[in-house]
Structure formats: structure tokens, C-alpha cells
PDB file of N, CA and C in Angstrom:
ATOM      1  N   MET A   1      94.154 -12.365  41.326  1.00  0.00           N
ATOM      2  CA  MET A   1      94.152 -13.290  42.434  1.00  0.00           C
ATOM      3  C   MET A   1      93.078 -14.180  42.403  1.00  0.00           C
ATOM      4  N   SER A   2      91.845 -13.845  41.988  1.00  0.00           N
ATOM      5  CA  SER A   2      90.779 -14.568  42.196  1.00  0.00           C
ATOM      6  C   SER A   2      90.683 -15.593  40.580  1.00  0.00           C
ATOM      7  N   ALA A   3      91.386 -15.364  39.959  1.00  0.00           N
ATOM      8  CA  ALA A   3      91.630 -16.444  38.858  1.00  0.00           C
ATOM      9  C   ALA A   3      92.412 -17.631  39.446  1.00  0.00           C
ATOM     10  N   VAL A   4      93.513 -17.097  40.254  1.00  0.00           N
ATOM     11  CA  VAL A   4      94.263 -18.187  40.770  1.00  0.00           C
ATOM     12  C   VAL A   4      93.506 -19.238  41.804  1.00  0.00           C
ATOM     13  N   ALA A   5      92.779 -18.369  42.800  1.00  0.00           N
ATOM     14  CA  ALA A   5      91.927 -18.901  43.581  1.00  0.00           C
ATOM     15  C   ALA A   5      90.866 -20.111  42.850  1.00  0.00           C
ATOM     16  N   LEU A   6      90.265 -19.726  41.884  1.00  0.00           N
ATOM     17  CA  LEU A   6      89.447 -20.605  41.193  1.00  0.00           C
ATOM     18  C   LEU A   6      90.188 -21.688  40.805  1.00  0.00           C
ATOM     19  N   ARG A   7      91.505 -21.480  40.149  1.00  0.00           N
ATOM     20  CA  ARG A   7      92.179 -22.621  39.623  1.00  0.00           C
ATOM     21  C   ARG A   7      92.563 -23.556  40.867  1.00  0.00           C
ATOM     22  N   VAL A   8      92.787 -23.202  41.917  1.00  0.00           N
ATOM     23  CA  VAL A   8      93.108 -23.795  43.105  1.00  0.00           C
ATOM     24  C   VAL A   8      91.952 -24.978  43.384  1.00  0.00           C
ATOM     25  N   VAL A   9      90.828 -24.110  43.424  1.00  0.00           N
ATOM     26  CA  VAL A   9      89.615 -24.942  43.765  1.00  0.00           C
ATOM     27  C   VAL A   9      89.393 -25.991  42.685  1.00  0.00           C
ATOM     28  N   PHE A  10      89.759 -25.842  41.393  1.00  0.00           N
ATOM     29  CA  PHE A  10      89.536 -26.817  40.517  1.00  0.00           C
ATOM     30  C   PHE A  10      90.597 -28.025  40.815  1.00  0.00           C
ATOM     31  N   GLY A  11      91.801 -27.290  40.853  1.00  0.00           N
ATOM     32  CA  GLY A  11      92.980 -28.278  41.179  1.00  0.00           C
ATOM     33  C   GLY A  11      92.695 -29.200  42.269  1.00  0.00           C
ATOM     34  N   LEU A  12      92.116 -28.952  43.361  1.00  0.00           N
ATOM     35  CA  LEU A  12      91.813 -29.495  44.442  1.00  0.00           C
ATOM     36  C   LEU A  12      90.804 -30.863  44.364  1.00  0.00           C
ATOM     37  N   ASN A  13      89.787 -30.082  43.458  1.00  0.00           N
ATOM     38  CA  ASN A  13      88.828 -31.198  43.198  1.00  0.00           C
ATOM     39  C   ASN A  13      89.314 -32.535  42.156  1.00  0.00           C
ATOM     40  N   ALA A  14      90.416 -31.897  41.314  1.00  0.00           N
ATOM     41  CA  ALA A  14      90.831 -32.984  40.429  1.00  0.00           C
ATOM     42  C   ALA A  14      91.836 -33.787  41.239  1.00  0.00           C
ATOM     43  N   LEU A  15      92.566 -33.359  42.256  1.00  0.00           N
ATOM     44  CA  LEU A  15      93.233 -34.170  43.353  1.00  0.00           C
ATOM     45  C   LEU A  15      92.324 -35.137  44.154  1.00  0.00           C
ATOM     46  N   LEU A  16      91.054 -34.893  44.410  1.00  0.00           N
ATOM     47  CA  LEU A  16      90.117 -35.682  44.876  1.00  0.00           C
ATOM     48  C   LEU A  16      89.500 -36.816  43.848  1.00  0.00           C
ATOM     49  N   PHE A  17      89.374 -36.448  42.704  1.00  0.00           N
ATOM     50  CA  PHE A  17      88.695 -37.233  41.938  1.00  0.00           C
ATOM     51  C   PHE A  17      89.399 -38.383  41.090  1.00  0.00           C
ATOM     52  N   LEU A  18      90.570 -37.718  40.764  1.00  0.00           N
ATOM     53  CA  LEU A  18      91.531 -38.700  40.044  1.00  0.00           C
ATOM     54  C   LEU A  18      91.875 -39.930  40.629  1.00  0.00           C
ATOM     55  N   PRO A  19      92.407 -39.992  42.005  1.00  0.00           N
ATOM     56  CA  PRO A  19      92.728 -40.994  42.601  1.00  0.00           C
ATOM     57  C   PRO A  19      92.051 -41.903  42.942  1.00  0.00           C
ATOM     58  N   ALA A  20      90.505 -41.292  43.184  1.00  0.00           N
ATOM     59  CA  ALA A  20      89.469 -42.244  43.606  1.00  0.00           C
ATOM     60  C   ALA A  20      88.798 -42.940  42.534  1.00  0.00           C
ATOM     61  N   GLY A  21      88.953 -42.125  41.287  1.00  0.00           N
ATOM     62  CA  GLY A  21      88.531 -43.059  40.172  1.00  0.00           C
ATOM     63  C   GLY A  21      89.450 -44.013  39.891  1.00  0.00           C
ATOM     64  N   VAL A  22      90.973 -43.729  39.949  1.00  0.00           N
ATOM     65  CA  VAL A  22      91.848 -44.903  39.617  1.00  0.00           C
ATOM     66  C   VAL A  22      91.524 -46.170  40.627  1.00  0.00           C
ATOM     67  N   VAL A  23      91.548 -45.794  41.762  1.00  0.00           N
ATOM     68  CA  VAL A  23      91.454 -46.738  42.764  1.00  0.00           C
ATOM     69  C   VAL A  23      90.096 -47.505  42.785  1.00  0.00           C
ATOM     70  N   ILE A  24      89.237 -47.171  42.334  1.00  0.00           N
ATOM     71  CA  ILE A  24      87.635 -47.506  42.289  1.00  0.00           C
ATOM     72  C   ILE A  24      87.851 -48.430  41.052  1.00  0.00           C
ATOM     73  N   TYR A  25      88.571 -48.088  40.000  1.00  0.00           N
ATOM     74  CA  TYR A  25      88.829 -49.070  38.884  1.00  0.00           C
ATOM     75  C   TYR A  25      89.493 -50.020  38.893  1.00  0.00           C
ATOM     76  N   VAL A  26      90.828 -50.258  39.626  1.00  0.00           N
ATOM     77  CA  VAL A  26      91.546 -51.274  39.887  1.00  0.00           C
ATOM     78  C   VAL A  26      91.307 -52.135  41.074  1.00  0.00           C
ATOM     79  N   LEU A  27      90.407 -51.724  41.800  1.00  0.00           N
ATOM     80  CA  LEU A  27      90.050 -52.706  43.252  1.00  0.00           C
ATOM     81  C   LEU A  27      89.346 -53.763  42.479  1.00  0.00           C
ATOM     82  N   PRO A  28      89.518 -54.857  43.196  1.00  0.00           N
ATOM     83  CA  PRO A  28      88.743 -56.002  43.039  1.00  0.00           C
ATOM     84  C   PRO A  28      87.387 -55.853  43.225  1.00  0.00           C
ATOM     85  N   SER A  29      86.481 -56.425  42.542  1.00  0.00           N
ATOM     86  CA  SER A  29      84.841 -56.602  43.099  1.00  0.00           C
ATOM     87  C   SER A  29      84.643 -56.774  44.607  1.00  0.00           C
ATOM     88  N   THR A  30      85.532 -58.050  44.990  1.00  0.00           N
ATOM     89  CA  THR A  30      85.035 -58.207  46.242  1.00  0.00           C
ATOM     90  C   THR A  30      85.281 -57.429  47.331  1.00  0.00           C
ATOM     91  N   VAL A  31      86.283 -56.297  46.835  1.00  0.00           N
ATOM     92  CA  VAL A  31      86.693 -55.424  47.829  1.00  0.00           C
ATOM     93  C   VAL A  31      85.606 -54.279  47.923  1.00  0.00           C
ATOM     94  N   LEU A  32      85.044 -53.944  46.747  1.00  0.00           N
ATOM     95  CA  LEU A  32      84.159 -52.967  46.492  1.00  0.00           C
ATOM     96  C   LEU A  32      82.733 -53.236  47.115  1.00  0.00           C
ATOM     97  N   GLY A  33      82.361 -54.722  46.816  1.00  0.00           N
ATOM     98  CA  GLY A  33      81.105 -55.311  47.425  1.00  0.00           C
ATOM     99  C   GLY A  33      80.156 -54.865  46.049  1.00  0.00           C
ATOM    100  N   VAL A  34      80.590 -54.722  44.835  1.00  0.00           N
ATOM    101  CA  VAL A  34      79.636 -54.519  43.486  1.00  0.00           C
ATOM    102  C   VAL A  34      79.942 -55.864  42.849  1.00  0.00           C
ATOM    103  N   SER A  35      78.775 -55.968  42.425  1.00  0.00           N
ATOM    104  CA  SER A  35      78.755 -57.422  41.285  1.00  0.00           C
ATOM    105  C   SER A  35      77.681 -56.741  40.408  1.00  0.00           C
ATOM    106  N   PRO A  36      77.899 -56.657  39.301  1.00  0.00           N
ATOM    107  CA  PRO A  36      78.963 -57.285  38.275  1.00  0.00           C
ATOM    108  C   PRO A  36      80.258 -56.253  38.234  1.00  0.00           C
ATOM    109  N   LEU A  37      81.210 -57.025  38.086  1.00  0.00           N
ATOM    110  CA  LEU A  37      82.676 -56.210  38.132  1.00  0.00           C
ATOM    111  C   LEU A  37      82.633 -55.048  36.846  1.00  0.00           C
ATOM    112  N   TRP A  38      81.800 -55.258  35.748  1.00  0.00           N
ATOM    113  CA  TRP A  38      81.876 -53.823  34.871  1.00  0.00           C
ATOM    114  C   TRP A  38      81.473 -52.653  35.528  1.00  0.00           C
ATOM    115  N   LEU A  39      80.419 -52.820  36.386  1.00  0.00           N
ATOM    116  CA  LEU A  39      79.920 -51.559  36.976  1.00  0.00           C
ATOM    117  C   LEU A  39      80.842 -51.019  37.885  1.00  0.00           C
ATOM    118  N   ALA A  40      81.670 -51.644  38.763  1.00  0.00           N
ATOM    119  CA  ALA A  40      82.778 -50.968  39.463  1.00  0.00           C
ATOM    120  C   ALA A  40      83.860 -50.460  38.243  1.00  0.00           C
ATOM    121  N   ARG A  41      84.231 -51.011  37.260  1.00  0.00           N
ATOM    122  CA  ARG A  41      85.038 -50.529  36.328  1.00  0.00           C
ATOM    123  C   ARG A  41      84.553 -49.383  35.513  1.00  0.00           C
ATOM    124  N   VAL A  42      83.138 -49.134  35.400  1.00  0.00           N
ATOM    125  CA  VAL A  42      82.415 -47.960  34.532  1.00  0.00           C
ATOM    126  C   VAL A  42      82.415 -46.996  35.489  1.00  0.00           C
ATOM    127  N   ALA A  43      82.159 -47.029  36.787  1.00  0.00           N
ATOM    128  CA  ALA A  43      82.426 -45.950  37.985  1.00  0.00           C
ATOM    129  C   ALA A  43      83.576 -45.505  38.060  1.00  0.00           C
ATOM    130  N   GLY A  44      84.535 -46.292  38.096  1.00  0.00           N
ATOM    131  CA  GLY A  44      85.862 -45.939  38.275  1.00  0.00           C
ATOM    132  C   GLY A  44      86.602 -44.981  36.842  1.00  0.00           C
ATOM    133  N   ALA A  45      86.047 -45.352  35.742  1.00  0.00           N
ATOM    134  CA  ALA A  45      86.263 -44.783  34.553  1.00  0.00           C
ATOM    135  C   ALA A  45      85.868 -43.268  34.508  1.00  0.00           C
ATOM    136  N   ILE A  46      84.387 -43.301  34.876  1.00  0.00           N
ATOM    137  CA  ILE A  46      83.645 -42.081  34.734  1.00  0.00           C
ATOM    138  C   ILE A  46      84.349 -40.875  35.726  1.00  0.00           C
ATOM    139  N   ILE A  47      84.616 -41.576  37.159  1.00  0.00           N
ATOM    140  CA  ILE A  47      85.058 -40.546  38.177  1.00  0.00           C
ATOM    141  C   ILE A  47      86.714 -40.116  37.926  1.00  0.00           C
ATOM    142  N   THR A  48      87.383 -40.728  37.224  1.00  0.00           N
ATOM    143  CA  THR A  48      88.595 -40.453  36.483  1.00  0.00           C
ATOM    144  C   THR A  48      88.510 -39.693  35.392  1.00  0.00           C
ATOM    145  N   ALA A  49      87.475 -39.755  34.640  1.00  0.00           N
ATOM    146  CA  ALA A  49      87.561 -38.703  33.254  1.00  0.00           C
ATOM    147  C   ALA A  49      86.785 -37.510  34.053  1.00  0.00           C
ATOM    148  N   TRP A  50      85.880 -37.603  34.966  1.00  0.00           N
ATOM    149  CA  TRP A  50      85.542 -36.196  35.589  1.00  0.00           C
ATOM    150  C   TRP A  50      86.970 -35.625  36.245  1.00  0.00           C
ATOM    151  N   GLY A  51      87.912 -36.468  37.033  1.00  0.00           N
ATOM    152  CA  GLY A  51      89.220 -35.682  37.484  1.00  0.00           C
ATOM    153  C   GLY A  51      89.794 -35.168  36.511  1.00  0.00           C
ATOM    154  N   LEU A  52      89.840 -35.545  35.477  1.00  0.00           N
ATOM    155  CA  LEU A  52      90.645 -35.012  34.382  1.00  0.00           C
ATOM    156  C   LEU A  52      90.013 -33.807  33.741  1.00  0.00           C
ATOM    157  N   THR A  53      88.682 -33.782  33.501  1.00  0.00           N
ATOM    158  CA  THR A  53      88.082 -32.429  33.224  1.00  0.00           C
ATOM    159  C   THR A  53      88.500 -31.491  34.415  1.00  0.00           C
ATOM    160  N   LEU A  54      88.217 -31.798  35.558  1.00  0.00           N
ATOM    161  CA  LEU A  54      88.535 -30.670  36.525  1.00  0.00           C
ATOM    162  C   LEU A  54      89.882 -30.259  36.525  1.00  0.00           C
ATOM    163  N   ALA A  55      90.768 -31.091  36.092  1.00  0.00           N
ATOM    164  CA  ALA A  55      92.194 -30.628  35.973  1.00  0.00           C
ATOM    165  C   ALA A  55      92.489 -29.880  34.633  1.00  0.00           C
ATOM    166  N   ALA A  56      91.733 -29.992  33.749  1.00  0.00           N
ATOM    167  CA  ALA A  56      91.772 -29.430  32.431  1.00  0.00           C
ATOM    168  C   ALA A  56      91.050 -27.940  32.853  1.00  0.00           C
ATOM    169  N   ASN A  57      90.130 -27.678  33.453  1.00  0.00           N
ATOM    170  CA  ASN A  57      89.234 -26.687  33.850  1.00  0.00           C
ATOM    171  C   ASN A  57      90.292 -25.954  35.067  1.00  0.00           C
ATOM    172  N   ALA A  58      91.194 -26.569  35.492  1.00  0.00           N
ATOM    173  CA  ALA A  58      92.036 -25.704  36.525  1.00  0.00           C
ATOM    174  C   ALA A  58      92.971 -24.863  35.658  1.00  0.00           C
ATOM    175  N   LEU A  59      93.086 -25.130  34.468  1.00  0.00           N
ATOM    176  CA  LEU A  59      94.292 -24.455  33.880  1.00  0.00           C
ATOM    177  C   LEU A  59      93.477 -23.143  33.167  1.00  0.00           C
ATOM    178  N   ARG A  60      92.351 -23.304  32.776  1.00  0.00           N
ATOM    179  CA  ARG A  60      91.627 -22.146  32.350  1.00  0.00           C
ATOM    180  C   ARG A  60      90.052 -22.246  32.715  1.00  0.00           C
ATOM    181  N   PRO A  61      89.679 -21.736  33.976  1.00  0.00           N
ATOM    182  CA  PRO A  61      88.536 -22.077  34.367  1.00  0.00           C
ATOM    183  C   PRO A  61      87.608 -21.020  33.468  1.00  0.00           C
ATOM    184  N   SER A  62      86.333 -21.579  33.159  1.00  0.00           N
ATOM    185  CA  SER A  62      85.254 -20.546  32.706  1.00  0.00           C
ATOM    186  C   SER A  62      83.974 -20.898  32.967  1.00  0.00           C
ATOM    187  N   GLY A  63      82.845 -20.159  32.712  1.00  0.00           N
ATOM    188  CA  GLY A  63      81.536 -20.328  33.139  1.00  0.00           C
ATOM    189  C   GLY A  63      81.082 -21.885  33.384  1.00  0.00           C
ATOM    190  N   PRO A  64      80.940 -22.307  32.152  1.00  0.00           N
ATOM    191  CA  PRO A  64      80.225 -23.461  32.006  1.00  0.00           C
ATOM    192  C   PRO A  64      80.971 -24.674  32.900  1.00  0.00           C
ATOM    193  N   GLY A  65      82.385 -24.545  33.002  1.00  0.00           N
ATOM    194  CA  GLY A  65      83.460 -25.385  33.985  1.00  0.00           C
ATOM    195  C   GLY A  65      82.888 -25.319  35.402  1.00  0.00           C
ATOM    196  N   VAL A  66      82.620 -24.006  35.673  1.00  0.00           N
ATOM    197  CA  VAL A  66      82.177 -24.139  37.179  1.00  0.00           C
ATOM    198  C   VAL A  66      80.804 -24.386  37.198  1.00  0.00           C
ATOM    199  N   VAL A  67      79.959 -24.223  36.458  1.00  0.00           N
ATOM    200  CA  VAL A  67      78.807 -24.793  36.481  1.00  0.00           C
ATOM    201  C   VAL A  67      78.693 -26.618  36.794  1.00  0.00           C
ATOM    202  N   GLY A  68      79.653 -27.071  35.886  1.00  0.00           N
ATOM    203  CA  GLY A  68      79.750 -28.402  35.912  1.00  0.00           C
ATOM    204  C   GLY A  68      80.402 -28.720  37.254  1.00  0.00           C
ATOM    205  N   GLN A  69      81.529 -28.191  37.541  1.00  0.00           N
ATOM    206  CA  GLN A  69      81.959 -28.511  38.886  1.00  0.00           C
ATOM    207  C   GLN A  69      81.188 -28.577  40.158  1.00  0.00           C
ATOM    208  N   VAL A  70      80.272 -27.175  40.194  1.00  0.00           N
ATOM    209  CA  VAL A  70      79.388 -26.904  41.292  1.00  0.00           C
ATOM    210  C   VAL A  70      78.413 -28.152  41.274  1.00  0.00           C
ATOM    211  N   ALA A  71      77.936 -28.513  40.082  1.00  0.00           N
ATOM    212  CA  ALA A  71      76.653 -29.049  40.073  1.00  0.00           C
ATOM    213  C   ALA A  71      77.270 -30.689  40.398  1.00  0.00           C
ATOM    214  N   GLY A  72      78.520 -31.168  39.942  1.00  0.00           N
ATOM    215  CA  GLY A  72      78.861 -32.426  40.233  1.00  0.00           C
ATOM    216  C   GLY A  72      79.168 -32.467  41.828  1.00  0.00           C
ATOM    217  N   ASN A  73      79.803 -31.504  42.432  1.00  0.00           N
ATOM    218  CA  ASN A  73      79.998 -31.605  43.580  1.00  0.00           C
ATOM    219  C   ASN A  73      78.794 -31.681  44.553  1.00  0.00           C
ATOM    220  N   LEU A  74      77.915 -30.801  44.113  1.00  0.00           N
ATOM    221  CA  LEU A  74      76.485 -30.912  45.124  1.00  0.00           C
ATOM    222  C   LEU A  74      75.641 -32.014  44.999  1.00  0.00           C
ATOM    223  N   LEU A  75      75.893 -32.746  43.699  1.00  0.00           N
ATOM    224  CA  LEU A  75      75.189 -34.276  43.469  1.00  0.00           C
ATOM    225  C   LEU A  75      76.055 -35.337  44.220  1.00  0.00           C
ATOM    226  N   ILE A  76      76.972 -35.094  44.093  1.00  0.00           N
ATOM    227  CA  ILE A  76      77.912 -35.995  45.259  1.00  0.00           C
ATOM    228  C   ILE A  76      77.582 -35.970  46.438  1.00  0.00           C
ATOM    229  N   VAL A  77      77.431 -34.693  46.733  1.00  0.00           N
ATOM    230  CA  VAL A  77      77.333 -34.173  48.624  1.00  0.00           C
ATOM    231  C   VAL A  77      75.914 -34.885  48.640  1.00  0.00           C
ATOM    232  N   ALA A  78      74.882 -34.565  47.879  1.00  0.00           N
ATOM    233  CA  ALA A  78      73.502 -35.306  48.119  1.00  0.00           C
ATOM    234  C   ALA A  78      73.547 -36.860  48.234  1.00  0.00           C
ATOM    235  N   THR A  79      74.432 -37.357  47.522  1.00  0.00           N
ATOM    236  CA  THR A  79      74.641 -39.173  47.154  1.00  0.00           C
ATOM    237  C   THR A  79      75.365 -39.407  48.778  1.00  0.00           C
ATOM    238  N   LEU A  80      76.215 -38.632  49.346  1.00  0.00           N
ATOM    239  CA  LEU A  80      76.846 -38.991  50.369  1.00  0.00           C
ATOM    240  C   LEU A  80      76.473 -38.862  51.652  1.00  0.00           C
ATOM    241  N   ILE A  81      75.693 -37.958  51.911  1.00  0.00           N
ATOM    242  CA  ILE A  81      75.158 -37.644  52.974  1.00  0.00           C
ATOM    243  C   ILE A  81      74.042 -38.775  53.617  1.00  0.00           C
ATOM    244  N   PRO A  82      73.079 -38.939  52.769  1.00  0.00           N
ATOM    245  CA  PRO A  82      71.925 -40.046  53.270  1.00  0.00           C
ATOM    246  C   PRO A  82      72.890 -41.497  53.465  1.00  0.00           C
ATOM    247  N   ALA A  83      73.876 -41.720  52.914  1.00  0.00           N
ATOM    248  CA  ALA A  83      74.720 -42.846  53.136  1.00  0.00           C
ATOM    249  C   ALA A  83      75.423 -42.710  54.283  1.00  0.00           C
ATOM    250  N   ALA A  84      75.882 -41.806  54.748  1.00  0.00           N
ATOM    251  CA  ALA A  84      76.576 -41.351  55.877  1.00  0.00           C
ATOM    252  C   ALA A  84      75.224 -41.633  57.209  1.00  0.00           C
ATOM    253  N   LEU A  85      74.099 -41.102  56.865  1.00  0.00           N
ATOM    254  CA  LEU A  85      73.298 -41.084  57.776  1.00  0.00           C
ATOM    255  C   LEU A  85      72.755 -42.386  58.120  1.00  0.00           C
ATOM    256  N   ARG A  86      72.851 -43.327  57.432  1.00  0.00           N
ATOM    257  CA  ARG A  86      72.399 -44.598  57.638  1.00  0.00           C
ATOM    258  C   ARG A  86      73.122 -45.396  59.028  1.00  0.00           C
ATOM    259  N   SER A  87      72.259 -46.076  59.530  1.00  0.00           N
ATOM    260  CA  SER A  87      72.773 -46.578  60.803  1.00  0.00           C
ATOM    261  C   SER A  87      73.313 -47.861  60.596  1.00  0.00           C
ATOM    262  N   GLY A  88      74.139 -48.201  61.322  1.00  0.00           N
ATOM    263  CA  GLY A  88      74.920 -49.488  60.891  1.00  0.00           C
ATOM    264  C   GLY A  88      76.224 -49.098  60.352  1.00  0.00           C
ATOM    265  N   LEU A  89      76.560 -48.073  59.898  1.00  0.00           N
ATOM    266  CA  LEU A  89      77.917 -47.959  59.167  1.00  0.00           C
ATOM    267  C   LEU A  89      78.924 -47.780  60.457  1.00  0.00           C
ATOM    268  N   PRO A  90      80.095 -48.240  60.307  1.00  0.00           N
ATOM    269  CA  PRO A  90      81.076 -48.045  61.219  1.00  0.00           C
ATOM    270  C   PRO A  90      81.557 -46.360  61.398  1.00  0.00           C
ATOM    271  N   SER A  91      81.938 -46.067  62.348  1.00  0.00           N
ATOM    272  CA  SER A  91      82.030 -44.722  62.802  1.00  0.00           C
ATOM    273  C   SER A  91      83.118 -44.016  61.941  1.00  0.00           C
ATOM    274  N   ALA A  92      84.173 -44.836  61.627  1.00  0.00           N
ATOM    275  CA  ALA A  92      85.194 -44.409  60.838  1.00  0.00           C
ATOM    276  C   ALA A  92      84.972 -44.010  59.272  1.00  0.00           C
ATOM    277  N   LEU A  93      83.963 -44.833  58.802  1.00  0.00           N
ATOM    278  CA  LEU A  93      83.565 -44.572  57.487  1.00  0.00           C
ATOM    279  C   LEU A  93      82.506 -43.538  57.343  1.00  0.00           C
ATOM    280  N   GLN A  94      81.579 -43.101  58.354  1.00  0.00           N
ATOM    281  CA  GLN A  94      80.842 -41.966  58.455  1.00  0.00           C
ATOM    282  C   GLN A  94      81.347 -40.686  58.552  1.00  0.00           C
ATOM    283  N   THR A  95      82.387 -40.675  59.570  1.00  0.00           N
ATOM    284  CA  THR A  95      83.285 -39.393  59.682  1.00  0.00           C
ATOM    285  C   THR A  95      83.775 -39.325  58.078  1.00  0.00           C
ATOM    286  N   LEU A  96      84.309 -40.186  57.591  1.00  0.00           N
ATOM    287  CA  LEU A  96      85.178 -39.888  56.098  1.00  0.00           C
ATOM    288  C   LEU A  96      83.918 -39.523  55.248  1.00  0.00           C
ATOM    289  N   LEU A  97      82.791 -40.150  55.069  1.00  0.00           N
ATOM    290  CA  LEU A  97      81.730 -39.789  54.157  1.00  0.00           C
ATOM    291  C   LEU A  97      81.593 -38.252  54.668  1.00  0.00           C
ATOM    292  N   TYR A  98      81.296 -37.896  55.829  1.00  0.00           N
ATOM    293  CA  TYR A  98      80.944 -36.506  56.280  1.00  0.00           C
ATOM    294  C   TYR A  98      82.054 -35.621  55.777  1.00  0.00           C
ATOM    295  N   GLY A  99      83.169 -35.980  56.141  1.00  0.00           N
ATOM    296  CA  GLY A  99      84.583 -34.954  55.675  1.00  0.00           C
ATOM    297  C   GLY A  99      84.664 -34.740  54.013  1.00  0.00           C
ATOM    298  N   VAL A 100      84.461 -36.005  53.460  1.00  0.00           N
ATOM    299  CA  VAL A 100      84.527 -35.635  52.089  1.00  0.00           C
ATOM    300  C   VAL A 100      83.363 -35.016  51.297  1.00  0.00           C
ATOM    301  N   SER A 101      82.147 -35.028  52.029  1.00  0.00           N
ATOM    302  CA  SER A 101      80.911 -34.411  51.715  1.00  0.00           C
ATOM    303  C   SER A 101      81.148 -32.812  52.066  1.00  0.00           C
ATOM    304  N   ALA A 102      81.988 -32.372  53.374  1.00  0.00           N
ATOM    305  CA  ALA A 102      82.112 -31.146  53.632  1.00  0.00           C
ATOM    306  C   ALA A 102      83.446 -30.417  52.795  1.00  0.00           C
ATOM    307  N   VAL A 103      84.157 -31.124  52.489  1.00  0.00           N
ATOM    308  CA  VAL A 103      85.094 -30.609  51.511  1.00  0.00           C
ATOM    309  C   VAL A 103      84.573 -30.416  50.072  1.00  0.00           C
ATOM    310  N   LEU A 104      83.785 -31.049  49.501  1.00  0.00           N
ATOM    311  CA  LEU A 104      83.161 -30.992  48.385  1.00  0.00           C
ATOM    312  C   LEU A 104      82.463 -29.923  48.233  1.00  0.00           C
ATOM    313  N   LEU A 105      81.423 -29.679  49.435  1.00  0.00           N
ATOM    314  CA  LEU A 105      80.347 -28.738  49.604  1.00  0.00           C
ATOM    315  C   LEU A 105      81.170 -27.345  49.760  1.00  0.00           C
ATOM    316  N   VAL A 106      82.370 -27.178  50.618  1.00  0.00           N
ATOM    317  CA  VAL A 106      83.018 -25.828  50.416  1.00  0.00           C
ATOM    318  C   VAL A 106      83.740 -25.590  49.036  1.00  0.00           C
ATOM    319  N   LEU A 107      84.232 -26.585  48.819  1.00  0.00           N
ATOM    320  CA  LEU A 107      84.728 -26.344  47.186  1.00  0.00           C
ATOM    321  C   LEU A 107      83.624 -25.669  46.076  1.00  0.00           C
ATOM    322  N   ALA A 108      82.365 -26.432  46.156  1.00  0.00           N
ATOM    323  CA  ALA A 108      81.384 -25.488  45.286  1.00  0.00           C
ATOM    324  C   ALA A 108      81.152 -24.518  45.684  1.00  0.00           C
ATOM    325  N   VAL A 109      81.109 -23.992  47.064  1.00  0.00           N
ATOM    326  CA  VAL A 109      80.715 -22.849  47.416  1.00  0.00           C
ATOM    327  C   VAL A 109      81.642 -21.957  46.766  1.00  0.00           C
ATOM    328  N   LEU A 110      83.058 -22.354  47.180  1.00  0.00           N
ATOM    329  CA  LEU A 110      83.949 -21.239  46.785  1.00  0.00           C
ATOM    330  C   LEU A 110      84.055 -21.055  45.087  1.00  0.00           C
ATOM    331  N   ALA A 111      83.668 -22.178  44.439  1.00  0.00           N
ATOM    332  CA  ALA A 111      83.736 -21.894  43.014  1.00  0.00           C
ATOM    333  C   ALA A 111      82.662 -21.007  42.563  1.00  0.00           C
ATOM    334  N   LEU A 112      81.718 -20.719  43.290  1.00  0.00           N
ATOM    335  CA  LEU A 112      80.402 -20.207  42.997  1.00  0.00           C
ATOM    336  C   LEU A 112      80.546 -18.689  43.282  1.00  0.00           C
ATOM    337  N   LEU A 113      81.512 -18.460  44.199  1.00  0.00           N
ATOM    338  CA  LEU A 113      81.732 -17.251  44.709  1.00  0.00           C
ATOM    339  C   LEU A 113      82.991 -16.406  44.439  1.00  0.00           C
ATOM    340  N   LEU A 114      83.700 -17.074  43.724  1.00  0.00           N
ATOM    341  CA  LEU A 114      85.118 -16.546  43.351  1.00  0.00           C
ATOM    342  C   LEU A 114      84.473 -16.095  41.882  1.00  0.00           C
ATOM    343  N   PRO A 115      85.101 -14.860  41.659  1.00  0.00           N
ATOM    344  CA  PRO A 115      84.826 -14.330  40.248  1.00  0.00           C
ATOM    345  C   PRO A 115      85.773 -15.330  39.286  1.00  0.00           C
ATOM    346  N   HIS A 116      85.304 -15.313  37.969  1.00  0.00           N
ATOM    347  CA  HIS A 116      85.943 -16.154  37.198  1.00  0.00           C
ATOM    348  C   HIS A 116      86.108 -15.090  36.081  1.00  0.00           C
ATOM    349  N   GLU A 117      87.233 -15.570  35.140  1.00  0.00           N
ATOM    350  CA  GLU A 117      87.480 -14.891  33.791  1.00  0.00           C
ATOM    351  C   GLU A 117      86.245 -14.856  32.881  1.00  0.00           C
ATOM    352  N   ARG A 118      86.028 -13.713  32.265  1.00  0.00           N
ATOM    353  CA  ARG A 118      84.912 -13.659  31.502  1.00  0.00           C
ATOM    354  C   ARG A 118      85.587 -13.325  30.180  1.00  0.00           C
ATOM    355  N   ARG A 119      85.265 -14.269  29.034  1.00  0.00           N
ATOM    356  CA  ARG A 119      85.705 -14.489  27.663  1.00  0.00           C
ATOM    357  C   ARG A 119      84.775 -13.666  26.752  1.00  0.00           C
ATOM    358  N   VAL A 120      85.135 -12.815  26.027  1.00  0.00           N
ATOM    359  CA  VAL A 120      84.353 -12.195  24.968  1.00  0.00           C
ATOM    360  C   VAL A 120      84.654 -12.961  23.641  1.00  0.00           C
ATOM    361  N   HIS A 121      83.509 -13.712  23.025  1.00  0.00           N
ATOM    362  CA  HIS A 121      83.978 -14.119  21.623  1.00  0.00           C
ATOM    363  C   HIS A 121      83.424 -13.184  20.546  1.00  0.00           C
ATOM    364  N   LEU A 122      84.286 -12.860  19.436  1.00  0.00           N
ATOM    365  CA  LEU A 122      83.908 -12.151  18.500  1.00  0.00           C
ATOM    366  C   LEU A 122      83.500 -12.728  17.419  1.00  0.00           C
TER     367      LEU A 122
END
């Protein structure tokens, strides 16, 4: 049961990052407010690659995959919370940033607490 729950945690992370990466990759730079355009493309590609890694780890979670997922989620939360705390942001955007941060934090904690398969290599 716990291996299934850990797979679900990885799958939910992948469902969050894959669409976000693709959207960032294809949006025009005027919408993103990022110049030069290559910076937005690189960010989108990296987020998409991270989502694919999480999807692959959902099939077979392991210790290093859990560490990577937890570290990635916590780093993103540490980036989003200060942005949400900035004054002058629309309240809808602040709510979105807080919501995404909360989801990522919960998924990181679940990945830490849920036991994962131990593999022995001979």
C-alpha cells in the first residue's frame, strides 16, 4: 500500500510540473514578461524535464528519487512564498502562489514520510 501511495505522490508532482513546463515553453515572452525569450524557453524545458523525471520515478520510486523530489519541491516552495508575500501582487495571484506552495509542501512531506521500496544490489 505504501509503495502505491508514494507512486501517487510522484504522479501528482508530474501532473503539476509537466503542463507548467510546456505552458512556459510555448507562451510568448510578452505574456511571461521575461526577456530574452531563450530564458523562458530554457526554464520551460527544465520544468518539463523535471516533470518527466517525476513521472518516471512514479513507476518505480527509490531513495534518490525521493530525495530529489523533496529537495525540488522545497526549493520551489522557498522561491514561491517570498514572491507571494510581495506587496502589490493581485490577490488571485497571491492565492495561486500560496496554493501551489501548499500542495508542493504537502507532497514533499508525504514523500518523506511514506516508506519506499528498499532494493538490494548484489
